[in-house]
Amino acid sequence: MRLRRRRIRDRTRPVGADPTEIEQEPARPPGAPPRRAVLVTPARGLAFVAVAASITLGASQFSNYHAVEVGAPEYGGLENFAPPPQRDQRLPRSAHGVSVLAIAVASLFATALAVAKNWRLARLLLFLGAAVVAISLLVDLHQGLREGSIGVAYQGARAVLLAGFWVQLWSGVTLMLVGPLLAAQLRSERRARRSRLGGRVPTPGVATGSVAPSTDGSGVGVGSDTVAPSTGGSGMEGAPT
């Protein structure tokens, strides 16, 4: 069995490589997890948060964000048991169209491309999240607190903001915070990966520790340990007398 393993190692060894010069894998400290077991990194965790925020942002566009409670003063102290009836429930798209839904889709693509190709694209999440926050506070909040015609028809009507508004707002805030952090983590991880790969690039055709002899115009190796043999005699033949 040992002889067979040794033969397998000899077959997989590069041709002309010195067995003592083959790079050995550095030993891990005691108690350290295997390299394949390390699947969760800061960049992957932040990317997961960005994807989750983008999905919840898109889902909030299909949930009501505004309603008008009718007869709210009469239900004072009974909201937990008998909430007042709600009228005029609306989706967020009724206030700002499909702009936030498009931002959610763009956030998904920006996160995926930042992880796969260019880490700089993660910075776009900051601006996309800021756009969501601006739309929520400047457009949706203003229209969501208006009673409209229901306030004229019913006494004691009160406009309220529903879960769709708050999910949209906090999803935008999450994208604003995660974007710069994800870009920084992806940049540091890729720099570390390039430094590791740059230090292990072998020189093809030249064994480690050996120097390829160069030749001059006469074809005699320069810098090698080989000395051209001299001809017999004392070396004084042909000298003028």
Protein backbone atom coordinates (compact mmCIF):
# COMPACT_ATOMS: atom_id res chain seq x y z
CA MET A 1 0.00 0.00 0.00
CA ARG A 2 2.82 2.45 0.85
CA LEU A 3 4.63 1.58 -2.35
CA ARG A 4 1.49 2.27 -4.37
CA ARG A 5 0.99 5.67 -2.75
CA ARG A 6 4.61 6.55 -3.42
CA ARG A 7 4.22 5.65 -7.09
CA ILE A 8 1.11 7.85 -7.34
CA ARG A 9 3.00 10.79 -5.84
CA ASP A 10 5.87 10.24 -8.26
CA ARG A 11 3.47 10.28 -11.23
CA THR A 12 1.81 13.53 -10.18
CA ARG A 13 5.15 15.25 -9.49
CA PRO A 14 6.21 17.74 -12.22
CA VAL A 15 8.98 16.60 -14.52
CA GLY A 16 12.39 17.82 -13.40
CA ALA A 17 11.17 19.08 -10.03
CA ASP A 18 13.20 18.43 -6.93
CA PRO A 19 11.16 16.52 -4.31
CA THR A 20 12.64 18.71 -1.55
CA GLU A 21 11.60 21.90 -3.37
CA ILE A 22 7.91 21.11 -3.75
CA GLU A 23 5.88 23.67 -1.84
CA GLN A 24 4.23 22.20 1.19
CA GLU A 25 0.89 23.40 2.51
CA PRO A 26 1.41 25.41 5.69
CA ALA A 27 0.17 23.69 8.80
CA ARG A 28 -2.95 25.16 10.37
CA PRO A 29 -2.92 26.07 14.03
CA PRO A 30 -4.58 23.63 16.44
CA GLY A 31 -8.33 24.00 16.58
CA ALA A 32 -8.57 25.98 13.33
CA PRO A 33 -11.42 24.89 11.01
CA PRO A 34 -10.59 23.37 7.61
CA ARG A 35 -10.33 25.77 4.71
CA ARG A 36 -13.29 24.25 2.90
CA ALA A 37 -15.44 24.68 6.00
CA VAL A 38 -14.98 28.47 5.98
CA LEU A 39 -17.99 29.38 3.83
CA VAL A 40 -19.25 32.48 5.62
CA THR A 41 -17.16 35.62 5.12
CA PRO A 42 -18.00 39.26 5.94
CA ALA A 43 -18.48 40.03 2.25
CA ARG A 44 -20.87 37.12 1.77
CA GLY A 45 -22.82 38.10 4.86
CA LEU A 46 -23.19 41.68 3.65
CA ALA A 47 -24.16 40.49 0.18
CA PHE A 48 -26.88 38.33 1.73
CA VAL A 49 -28.21 41.34 3.65
CA ALA A 50 -28.22 43.44 0.47
CA VAL A 51 -30.11 40.77 -1.45
CA ALA A 52 -32.64 40.40 1.38
CA ALA A 53 -33.17 44.17 1.53
CA SER A 54 -33.69 44.31 -2.24
CA ILE A 55 -36.26 41.50 -2.11
CA THR A 56 -38.19 43.07 0.77
CA LEU A 57 -38.11 46.41 -1.03
CA GLY A 58 -39.70 44.85 -4.10
CA ALA A 59 -42.24 42.96 -1.98
CA SER A 60 -43.29 46.17 -0.21
CA GLN A 61 -44.65 47.49 -3.50
CA PHE A 62 -47.39 44.86 -3.38
CA SER A 63 -48.48 45.66 0.17
CA ASN A 64 -50.77 48.51 1.23
CA TYR A 65 -49.02 51.57 2.59
CA HIS A 66 -51.95 53.93 3.23
CA ALA A 67 -55.44 53.69 4.73
CA VAL A 68 -58.02 55.95 6.35
CA GLU A 69 -59.53 54.86 9.65
CA VAL A 70 -63.20 55.82 10.01
CA GLY A 71 -64.52 56.79 13.44
CA ALA A 72 -61.12 56.48 15.10
CA PRO A 73 -62.02 58.60 18.20
CA GLU A 74 -64.88 56.25 19.04
CA TYR A 75 -62.48 53.30 19.26
CA GLY A 76 -60.16 54.98 21.73
CA GLY A 77 -58.51 52.37 23.98
CA LEU A 78 -59.97 49.48 21.97
CA GLU A 79 -57.51 49.38 19.07
CA ASN A 80 -55.99 46.07 20.23
CA PHE A 81 -59.39 44.36 20.46
CA ALA A 82 -61.61 46.16 17.93
CA PRO A 83 -59.61 48.37 15.56
CA PRO A 84 -61.54 50.98 13.59
CA PRO A 85 -62.49 50.06 10.03
CA GLN A 86 -60.09 51.13 7.31
CA ARG A 87 -61.10 52.64 4.02
CA ASP A 88 -59.25 53.77 0.91
CA GLN A 89 -56.32 51.34 1.21
CA ARG A 90 -53.68 51.98 -1.42
CA LEU A 91 -50.48 50.40 -2.70
CA PRO A 92 -47.21 52.38 -2.77
CA ARG A 93 -47.26 52.31 -6.56
CA SER A 94 -50.28 54.60 -6.49
CA ALA A 95 -48.03 57.36 -5.11
CA HIS A 96 -44.74 56.96 -7.00
CA GLY A 97 -45.45 54.51 -9.81
CA VAL A 98 -42.94 51.73 -10.51
CA SER A 99 -39.83 53.72 -9.62
CA VAL A 100 -39.13 51.92 -6.33
CA LEU A 101 -39.78 48.54 -7.92
CA ALA A 102 -37.20 49.39 -10.59
CA ILE A 103 -34.75 50.41 -7.85
CA ALA A 104 -35.25 47.03 -6.15
CA VAL A 105 -34.43 45.18 -9.37
CA ALA A 106 -31.39 47.40 -9.97
CA SER A 107 -30.17 46.70 -6.42
CA LEU A 108 -30.31 42.95 -7.05
CA PHE A 109 -28.27 43.27 -10.24
CA ALA A 110 -25.77 45.64 -8.62
CA THR A 111 -25.19 43.23 -5.73
CA ALA A 112 -24.78 40.21 -8.00
CA LEU A 113 -22.36 41.96 -10.37
CA ALA A 114 -20.36 43.43 -7.48
CA VAL A 115 -19.80 39.98 -5.99
CA ALA A 116 -19.09 38.29 -9.32
CA LYS A 117 -17.13 40.91 -11.29
CA ASN A 118 -16.54 44.47 -10.10
CA TRP A 119 -16.65 45.37 -6.41
CA ARG A 120 -17.14 49.06 -7.26
CA LEU A 121 -20.73 48.38 -8.28
CA ALA A 122 -21.59 47.83 -4.62
CA ARG A 123 -21.25 51.58 -4.12
CA LEU A 124 -24.38 52.05 -6.21
CA LEU A 125 -26.42 50.61 -3.35
CA LEU A 126 -25.77 53.79 -1.38
CA PHE A 127 -27.39 55.97 -4.04
CA LEU A 128 -30.21 53.52 -4.73
CA GLY A 129 -31.06 53.34 -1.03
CA ALA A 130 -30.90 57.12 -0.73
CA ALA A 131 -33.36 57.43 -3.63
CA VAL A 132 -35.78 55.08 -1.84
CA VAL A 133 -35.55 57.07 1.38
CA ALA A 134 -36.12 60.34 -0.49
CA ILE A 135 -39.18 58.96 -2.28
CA SER A 136 -40.59 57.59 0.97
CA LEU A 137 -40.21 60.82 2.93
CA LEU A 138 -40.94 63.39 0.24
CA VAL A 139 -43.67 61.66 -1.77
CA ASP A 140 -45.23 58.72 0.07
CA LEU A 141 -45.30 60.30 3.51
CA HIS A 142 -47.01 63.43 2.25
CA GLN A 143 -49.68 61.57 0.30
CA GLY A 144 -50.08 58.80 2.86
CA LEU A 145 -51.20 61.19 5.60
CA ARG A 146 -53.97 62.77 3.58
CA GLU A 147 -57.56 61.68 4.26
CA GLY A 148 -58.83 62.82 0.89
CA SER A 149 -62.51 62.45 0.14
CA ILE A 150 -62.95 59.95 2.98
CA GLY A 151 -62.19 62.67 5.51
CA VAL A 152 -65.00 64.78 4.07
CA ALA A 153 -67.54 61.97 3.94
CA TYR A 154 -66.86 60.51 7.41
CA GLN A 155 -66.47 62.28 10.71
CA GLY A 156 -63.39 61.42 12.77
CA ALA A 157 -61.46 59.99 9.81
CA ARG A 158 -57.71 59.62 10.27
CA ALA A 159 -55.06 58.65 7.74
CA VAL A 160 -52.50 56.05 8.83
CA LEU A 161 -49.38 54.54 7.33
CA LEU A 162 -49.39 50.77 7.00
CA ALA A 163 -46.62 48.16 6.95
CA GLY A 164 -45.82 48.64 3.28
CA PHE A 165 -44.51 52.14 3.91
CA TRP A 166 -42.24 51.16 6.80
CA VAL A 167 -40.84 48.11 5.02
CA GLN A 168 -40.01 50.28 2.01
CA LEU A 169 -38.35 52.95 4.16
CA TRP A 170 -36.18 50.60 6.22
CA SER A 171 -35.19 48.57 3.17
CA GLY A 172 -33.82 51.76 1.62
CA VAL A 173 -31.93 52.61 4.83
CA THR A 174 -30.44 49.10 4.87
CA LEU A 175 -29.19 49.45 1.30
CA MET A 176 -27.58 52.78 2.16
CA LEU A 177 -25.65 51.25 5.05
CA VAL A 178 -24.71 47.95 3.44
CA GLY A 179 -23.46 49.36 0.12
CA PRO A 180 -20.21 51.03 1.30
CA LEU A 181 -19.45 48.19 3.73
CA LEU A 182 -19.90 45.57 1.02
CA ALA A 183 -17.63 47.48 -1.38
CA ALA A 184 -14.89 47.74 1.26
CA GLN A 185 -15.05 44.05 2.15
CA LEU A 186 -15.02 42.89 -1.46
CA ARG A 187 -12.04 45.12 -2.22
CA SER A 188 -10.02 43.82 0.74
CA GLU A 189 -10.81 40.18 -0.01
CA ARG A 190 -9.83 40.47 -3.67
CA ARG A 191 -6.61 42.26 -2.81
CA ALA A 192 -5.72 39.50 -0.38
CA ARG A 193 -6.53 36.86 -3.00
CA ARG A 194 -4.33 38.58 -5.59
CA SER A 195 -1.44 38.85 -3.16
CA ARG A 196 -1.63 35.13 -2.37
CA LEU A 197 -1.77 34.19 -6.04
CA GLY A 198 1.02 36.61 -6.94
CA GLY A 199 3.43 35.00 -4.49
CA ARG A 200 2.88 31.49 -5.82
CA VAL A 201 3.33 31.98 -9.56
CA PRO A 202 6.10 29.56 -10.66
CA THR A 203 8.55 30.28 -13.48
CA PRO A 204 7.92 27.72 -16.24
CA GLY A 205 10.88 25.73 -17.50
CA VAL A 206 13.29 26.73 -14.73
CA ALA A 207 13.66 24.72 -11.54
CA THR A 208 13.68 26.54 -8.22
CA GLY A 209 17.17 27.50 -7.07
CA SER A 210 18.87 26.89 -10.43
CA VAL A 211 20.34 29.50 -12.76
CA ALA A 212 20.14 29.04 -16.48
CA PRO A 213 23.61 29.50 -18.00
CA SER A 214 23.93 32.20 -20.65
CA THR A 215 26.25 32.03 -23.62
CA ASP A 216 28.45 34.61 -25.25
CA GLY A 217 29.21 34.94 -28.91
CA SER A 218 31.69 32.04 -28.92
CA GLY A 219 29.13 29.57 -27.60
CA VAL A 220 30.93 29.06 -24.29
CA GLY A 221 28.71 29.17 -21.23
CA VAL A 222 29.18 32.25 -19.08
CA GLY A 223 28.60 32.03 -15.37
CA SER A 224 28.67 28.25 -15.33
CA ASP A 225 31.08 26.00 -13.49
CA THR A 226 32.25 24.36 -16.73
CA VAL A 227 35.79 25.18 -17.76
CA ALA A 228 36.87 24.63 -21.35
CA PRO A 229 39.69 22.08 -21.53
CA SER A 230 43.10 23.43 -22.61
CA THR A 231 45.29 21.85 -25.25
CA GLY A 232 48.39 19.88 -24.36
CA GLY A 233 51.79 21.43 -24.10
CA SER A 234 53.27 24.23 -22.15
CA GLY A 235 51.27 26.87 -23.90
CA MET A 236 54.44 28.48 -25.38
CA GLU A 237 54.16 26.89 -28.85
CA GLY A 238 54.16 29.40 -31.62
CA ALA A 239 55.69 32.14 -29.46
CA PRO A 240 58.24 34.32 -31.30
CA THR A 241 61.84 33.66 -30.40
